């Protein structure tokens, strides 16, 4: 039995495919299954496993390696052992630092903390229209990146300022209020039908486990142009949550907006616009620089453009010819 076949059986039986089978931004498969494809279970040793973990996560903290590498591997192995495809084995995990005063210094990760909206506006203003529009929607809805990647036009009720997410890969369906600032954006993009947010060339963003990586090129470009390093797709969700608290929004209302407080009643009425949630999201103030982004004139028409100074230099091609 090979690891990839055991993993496929594990997933088919209801196991999680997180960190096992993923698709990269380039559309190519990656993850443990791809790394160990064709590898017989009997040939995997502790030494080879540790070597692979170091190659895939050379600078990661111990807890990250355990969560993203050793845990999914051991889950598949234990399943294989139950099925009789492998011997039961206790795989060693990386050791913790010795001593009570030893601490691992965590590197700052963009997206793990909120930012102020003036700061975010300068960053988003340096992006090409398509990813800038997606980031704008994140900062004024509090949605998860993957929720915007799967968003279809028929889920958006612009007149009622309401989004209804259907139950899908993102989990339970839920209702989300639309900030008044986003009305022209959704009104324009929903006119074409299908996926609301798309790449500059018009194709939908791929659905990946590591949602947010789909626009990493745009993020990297904006960082180079602005020097701002602490803004990423998940920064928006933290910023919405923090700003609602600062604005005095009731914690339950905030949790409803972010999809944290989900009960039987909210599941049943996800399609019904809720005025308290709409009023709450509208308390987030919009910086003037965000309102002045050049693509607001016609979001749909300009979504295929690139930020000035990037893209193919057709003029140089013609000159060389």
Protein backbone atom coordinates (compact mmCIF):
# COMPACT_ATOMS: atom_id res chain seq x y z
CA UNK A 1 0.00 0.00 0.00
CA UNK A 2 1.31 3.45 -0.92
CA UNK A 3 0.78 6.59 1.13
CA UNK A 4 -1.29 8.36 -1.56
CA UNK A 5 -3.69 5.39 -1.86
CA UNK A 6 -4.02 5.17 1.92
CA UNK A 7 -4.66 8.92 2.11
CA UNK A 8 -7.33 8.71 -0.61
CA UNK A 9 -9.09 5.94 1.33
CA UNK A 10 -8.78 7.94 4.56
CA UNK A 11 -10.40 11.00 2.94
CA UNK A 12 -13.11 8.89 1.28
CA UNK A 13 -13.96 7.49 4.72
CA UNK A 14 -14.57 11.02 6.02
CA UNK A 15 -11.08 12.13 7.04
CA UNK A 16 -9.98 15.73 6.48
CA UNK A 17 -7.91 16.49 3.39
CA UNK A 18 -6.42 19.60 5.00
CA UNK A 19 -2.65 19.71 4.37
CA UNK A 20 -2.91 16.36 2.58
CA UNK A 21 -4.35 17.35 -0.77
CA UNK A 22 -4.26 21.00 -1.78
CA UNK A 23 -4.05 22.98 -4.99
CA UNK A 24 -1.48 25.75 -5.31
CA UNK A 25 -2.00 29.19 -6.85
CA UNK A 26 -0.57 27.76 -10.08
CA UNK A 27 -3.30 25.10 -10.18
CA UNK A 28 -0.87 22.27 -9.42
CA UNK A 29 -1.50 19.76 -6.61
CA UNK A 30 0.64 19.95 -3.51
CA UNK A 31 0.68 18.69 0.05
CA UNK A 32 1.71 15.47 1.77
CA UNK A 33 -0.05 13.23 -0.74
CA UNK A 34 1.87 14.76 -3.62
CA UNK A 35 5.17 14.62 -1.74
CA UNK A 36 4.69 10.94 -0.84
CA UNK A 37 2.95 9.82 -4.02
CA UNK A 38 3.96 6.26 -4.87
CA UNK A 39 5.87 5.87 -1.61
CA UNK A 40 5.15 2.53 0.05
CA UNK A 41 4.12 2.80 3.67
CA UNK A 42 6.60 0.10 4.66
CA UNK A 43 9.47 2.18 3.29
CA UNK A 44 8.76 5.32 5.33
CA UNK A 45 11.10 5.75 8.29
CA UNK A 46 11.25 8.29 11.09
CA UNK A 47 14.44 9.69 9.58
CA UNK A 48 12.92 10.15 6.10
CA UNK A 49 9.79 11.67 7.61
CA UNK A 50 11.77 14.20 9.64
CA UNK A 51 13.83 15.04 6.58
CA UNK A 52 10.74 15.74 4.52
CA UNK A 53 9.28 17.91 7.29
CA UNK A 54 12.46 19.97 7.38
CA UNK A 55 12.48 20.36 3.59
CA UNK A 56 8.85 21.50 3.44
CA UNK A 57 8.92 23.69 6.56
CA UNK A 58 12.56 24.75 7.05
CA UNK A 59 11.80 27.83 9.16
CA UNK A 60 8.46 26.84 10.70
CA UNK A 61 7.91 26.67 14.45
CA UNK A 62 7.49 23.27 16.06
CA UNK A 63 3.72 23.67 16.53
CA UNK A 64 3.30 24.57 12.86
CA UNK A 65 5.16 21.46 11.76
CA UNK A 66 3.05 19.30 14.06
CA UNK A 67 -0.22 20.80 12.84
CA UNK A 68 0.51 20.92 9.13
CA UNK A 69 2.76 17.89 8.68
CA UNK A 70 2.98 15.32 11.46
CA UNK A 71 -0.69 15.38 12.51
CA UNK A 72 -2.16 14.71 9.04
CA UNK A 73 0.54 12.10 8.35
CA UNK A 74 -0.21 10.23 11.59
CA UNK A 75 -3.95 10.39 10.89
CA UNK A 76 -3.45 8.60 7.58
CA UNK A 77 -1.00 6.12 9.09
CA UNK A 78 -3.36 5.23 11.97
CA UNK A 79 -6.18 4.68 9.48
CA UNK A 80 -3.90 2.45 7.39
CA UNK A 81 -2.97 0.47 10.51
CA UNK A 82 -6.64 -0.10 11.33
CA UNK A 83 -7.21 -1.36 7.79
CA UNK A 84 -4.24 -3.69 8.09
CA UNK A 85 -2.11 -1.89 5.49
CA UNK A 86 0.59 -0.82 7.92
CA UNK A 87 1.94 -1.75 11.34
CA UNK A 88 0.93 0.30 14.34
CA UNK A 89 3.69 2.75 15.10
CA UNK A 90 4.28 5.72 17.38
CA UNK A 91 5.85 8.42 15.25
CA UNK A 92 8.00 10.89 17.17
CA UNK A 93 7.15 14.57 17.05
CA UNK A 94 9.75 17.38 17.02
CA UNK A 95 11.04 18.11 20.52
CA UNK A 96 10.08 21.23 22.38
CA UNK A 97 12.84 23.65 23.44
CA UNK A 98 14.44 22.56 26.72
CA UNK A 99 14.13 24.57 29.91
CA UNK A 100 11.27 26.47 31.46
CA UNK A 101 12.58 29.84 30.29
CA UNK A 102 13.08 28.84 26.66
CA UNK A 103 10.53 30.30 24.27
CA UNK A 104 10.24 30.11 20.52
CA UNK A 105 10.18 33.60 19.08
CA UNK A 106 7.24 33.74 16.73
CA UNK A 107 7.79 35.58 13.50
CA UNK A 108 5.25 38.25 12.67
CA UNK A 109 2.66 36.93 10.26
CA UNK A 110 0.70 39.37 8.15
CA UNK A 111 -3.02 38.81 8.56
CA UNK A 112 -2.84 37.87 12.24
CA UNK A 113 -3.71 41.36 13.52
CA UNK A 114 -5.99 44.27 12.56
CA UNK A 115 -4.90 47.51 10.94
CA UNK A 116 -6.45 50.96 10.63
CA UNK A 117 -8.45 51.76 7.52
CA UNK A 118 -6.30 54.68 6.35
CA UNK A 119 -3.31 52.36 6.32
CA UNK A 120 -5.27 49.65 4.48
CA UNK A 121 -6.55 52.17 1.94
CA UNK A 122 -3.01 53.15 0.93
CA UNK A 123 -2.16 49.49 0.43
CA UNK A 124 -5.28 48.58 -1.57
CA UNK A 125 -4.87 51.71 -3.69
CA UNK A 126 -1.56 50.30 -4.98
CA UNK A 127 -3.18 47.10 -6.28
CA UNK A 128 -4.64 46.34 -9.70
CA UNK A 129 -8.44 46.78 -9.83
CA UNK A 130 -9.52 43.10 -9.64
CA UNK A 131 -7.64 42.18 -6.43
CA UNK A 132 -8.22 45.69 -5.04
CA UNK A 133 -11.99 45.20 -5.38
CA UNK A 134 -11.78 41.84 -3.62
CA UNK A 135 -9.72 43.34 -0.78
CA UNK A 136 -12.18 46.22 -0.52
CA UNK A 137 -15.06 43.78 -0.10
CA UNK A 138 -13.12 41.93 2.61
CA UNK A 139 -12.50 45.13 4.58
CA UNK A 140 -16.16 46.18 4.51
CA UNK A 141 -17.90 42.82 5.06
CA UNK A 142 -15.55 40.86 7.33
CA UNK A 143 -15.99 37.82 5.11
CA UNK A 144 -13.39 35.08 4.87
CA UNK A 145 -11.38 35.11 1.62
CA UNK A 146 -12.78 31.75 0.53
CA UNK A 147 -16.32 33.06 1.00
CA UNK A 148 -15.66 35.77 -1.58
CA UNK A 149 -13.94 33.34 -3.93
CA UNK A 150 -17.08 31.14 -4.04
CA UNK A 151 -19.53 34.07 -4.11
CA UNK A 152 -21.97 34.00 -7.04
CA UNK A 153 -24.05 36.92 -8.32
CA UNK A 154 -27.34 35.23 -7.37
CA UNK A 155 -26.22 35.20 -3.71
CA UNK A 156 -26.09 39.01 -3.64
CA UNK A 157 -29.19 41.11 -3.03
CA UNK A 158 -27.87 44.61 -3.70
CA UNK A 159 -31.16 46.53 -3.15
CA UNK A 160 -31.62 44.89 0.26
CA UNK A 161 -27.89 45.18 1.15
CA UNK A 162 -27.63 41.44 1.86
CA UNK A 163 -25.50 38.43 0.87
CA UNK A 164 -26.75 34.88 1.35
CA UNK A 165 -24.02 32.27 1.35
CA UNK A 166 -25.22 28.79 0.51
CA UNK A 167 -23.92 25.74 2.33
CA UNK A 168 -20.91 24.50 0.40
CA UNK A 169 -17.18 23.97 0.92
CA UNK A 170 -17.24 26.92 3.30
CA UNK A 171 -19.51 25.11 5.74
CA UNK A 172 -22.88 26.38 7.00
CA UNK A 173 -24.70 28.99 4.98
CA UNK A 174 -25.07 32.44 6.51
CA UNK A 175 -26.30 35.94 5.83
CA UNK A 176 -23.94 38.90 5.55
CA UNK A 177 -24.77 42.63 5.49
CA UNK A 178 -23.40 44.82 2.68
CA UNK A 179 -21.80 48.14 3.64
CA UNK A 180 -23.32 51.03 1.70
CA UNK A 181 -19.84 51.82 0.36
CA UNK A 182 -19.87 48.48 -1.52
CA UNK A 183 -23.20 48.99 -3.28
CA UNK A 184 -21.74 50.41 -6.54
CA UNK A 185 -19.10 47.67 -6.55
CA UNK A 186 -21.54 44.77 -6.19
CA UNK A 187 -24.07 46.44 -8.48
CA UNK A 188 -21.45 46.57 -11.25
CA UNK A 189 -19.77 43.19 -10.78
CA UNK A 190 -22.99 41.22 -10.34
CA UNK A 191 -24.26 42.44 -13.71
CA UNK A 192 -22.19 39.80 -15.54
CA UNK A 193 -23.56 36.92 -13.46
CA UNK A 194 -21.62 33.94 -12.18
CA UNK A 195 -18.60 34.46 -9.96
CA UNK A 196 -18.62 37.99 -8.58
CA UNK A 197 -14.88 38.38 -8.07
CA UNK A 198 -12.53 37.21 -10.81
CA UNK A 199 -8.97 37.50 -11.97
CA UNK A 200 -8.04 40.42 -14.27
CA UNK A 201 -8.53 38.20 -17.34
CA UNK A 202 -12.03 37.25 -16.23
CA UNK A 203 -11.58 33.68 -14.99
CA UNK A 204 -12.83 32.76 -11.50
CA UNK A 205 -10.33 32.39 -8.69
CA UNK A 206 -9.47 28.74 -7.88
CA UNK A 207 -10.82 27.34 -4.63
CA UNK A 208 -7.92 26.37 -2.39
CA UNK A 209 -7.64 25.23 1.22
CA UNK A 210 -5.21 28.02 1.92
CA UNK A 211 -7.65 30.71 0.85
CA UNK A 212 -6.02 34.07 0.27
CA UNK A 213 -3.03 32.66 -1.64
CA UNK A 214 -4.92 33.21 -4.89
CA UNK A 215 -3.93 36.90 -4.88
CA UNK A 216 -0.45 36.53 -3.38
CA UNK A 217 1.15 38.03 -6.51
CA UNK A 218 -1.03 41.13 -6.17
CA UNK A 219 -0.23 41.33 -2.45
CA UNK A 220 3.50 41.06 -3.13
CA UNK A 221 3.29 43.81 -5.76
CA UNK A 222 1.45 46.19 -3.45
CA UNK A 223 4.05 45.56 -0.75
CA UNK A 224 6.85 46.49 -3.12
CA UNK A 225 5.09 49.65 -4.25
CA UNK A 226 4.02 50.89 -0.83
CA UNK A 227 6.54 49.41 1.59
CA UNK A 228 3.56 48.21 3.69
CA UNK A 229 4.17 44.65 4.88
CA UNK A 230 1.42 44.04 7.43
CA UNK A 231 -1.67 43.84 5.21
CA UNK A 232 -3.05 40.62 3.71
CA UNK A 233 -6.53 39.16 3.03
CA UNK A 234 -7.08 38.00 6.62
CA UNK A 235 -6.05 41.40 7.98
CA UNK A 236 -9.44 42.61 6.78
CA UNK A 237 -11.44 40.20 8.92
CA UNK A 238 -9.51 41.13 12.05
CA UNK A 239 -9.91 44.83 11.20
CA UNK A 240 -13.67 44.56 10.75
CA UNK A 241 -14.01 42.75 14.08
CA UNK A 242 -11.88 45.31 15.91
CA UNK A 243 -13.56 48.33 14.31
CA UNK A 244 -17.04 47.08 15.19
CA UNK A 245 -15.96 46.75 18.83
CA UNK A 246 -14.49 50.26 18.77
CA UNK A 247 -17.74 51.56 17.28
CA UNK A 248 -19.73 50.11 20.17
CA UNK A 249 -21.50 47.38 18.23
CA UNK A 250 -23.00 44.73 20.50
CA UNK A 251 -20.76 41.61 20.65
CA UNK A 252 -23.60 39.33 19.50
CA UNK A 253 -24.27 41.51 16.47
CA UNK A 254 -20.55 41.57 15.67
CA UNK A 255 -20.40 37.78 15.91
CA UNK A 256 -23.43 37.47 13.64
CA UNK A 257 -21.70 39.60 10.99
CA UNK A 258 -18.51 37.53 11.19
CA UNK A 259 -20.37 34.22 11.24
CA UNK A 260 -19.29 33.29 14.77
CA UNK A 261 -22.72 33.31 16.40
CA UNK A 262 -24.67 30.78 14.35
CA UNK A 263 -27.75 29.20 15.89
CA UNK A 264 -30.74 27.34 14.48
CA UNK A 265 -32.68 30.55 13.97
CA UNK A 266 -29.91 32.33 12.05
CA UNK A 267 -29.40 29.25 9.86
CA UNK A 268 -33.08 29.22 9.00
CA UNK A 269 -33.27 32.88 8.02
CA UNK A 270 -29.93 33.49 6.29
CA UNK A 271 -31.79 34.89 3.28
CA UNK A 272 -33.67 37.53 5.29
CA UNK A 273 -31.90 40.94 5.48
CA UNK A 274 -31.40 41.97 9.11
CA UNK A 275 -31.42 45.71 9.68
CA UNK A 276 -29.35 45.67 12.94
CA UNK A 277 -26.50 43.94 11.09
CA UNK A 278 -26.72 46.33 8.13
CA UNK A 279 -26.71 49.35 10.43
CA UNK A 280 -23.74 47.92 12.35
CA UNK A 281 -21.52 47.33 9.32
CA UNK A 282 -22.28 50.85 8.12
CA UNK A 283 -20.64 52.26 11.25
CA UNK A 284 -17.27 51.52 9.66
CA UNK A 285 -16.05 54.81 8.19
CA UNK A 286 -14.53 54.92 4.72
CA UNK A 287 -11.28 56.88 4.20
CA UNK A 288 -11.48 59.41 1.38
CA UNK A 289 -8.45 57.87 -0.34
CA UNK A 290 -10.41 54.62 -0.67
CA UNK A 291 -13.33 56.46 -2.28
CA UNK A 292 -10.92 58.02 -4.78
CA UNK A 293 -9.55 54.76 -6.23
CA UNK A 294 -9.67 55.22 -10.01
CA UNK A 295 -11.59 52.02 -10.74
CA UNK A 296 -14.76 53.17 -8.91
CA UNK A 297 -15.81 54.93 -12.11
CA UNK A 298 -16.77 51.57 -13.67
CA UNK A 299 -15.67 48.51 -11.62
CA UNK A 300 -16.72 45.89 -14.14
CA UNK A 301 -15.22 47.65 -17.16
CA UNK A 302 -11.96 48.43 -15.36
CA UNK A 303 -11.58 45.08 -13.54
CA UNK A 304 -9.41 43.79 -16.37
CA UNK A 305 -6.88 46.62 -16.12
CA UNK A 306 -3.59 46.44 -14.24
CA UNK A 307 -2.11 48.95 -11.88
CA UNK A 308 -0.15 51.56 -13.90
CA UNK A 309 3.45 50.53 -14.53
CA UNK A 310 2.84 46.77 -14.50
CA UNK A 311 1.99 44.13 -17.07
CA UNK A 312 3.36 43.52 -20.53
CA UNK A 313 5.10 46.45 -22.24
CA UNK A 314 3.50 46.16 -25.68
CA UNK A 315 5.10 49.42 -26.73
CA UNK A 316 8.55 47.90 -26.22
CA UNK A 317 7.56 44.77 -28.12
CA UNK A 318 6.47 46.88 -31.07
CA UNK A 319 9.70 48.91 -30.92
CA UNK A 320 11.84 45.76 -30.92
CA UNK A 321 9.87 44.36 -33.88
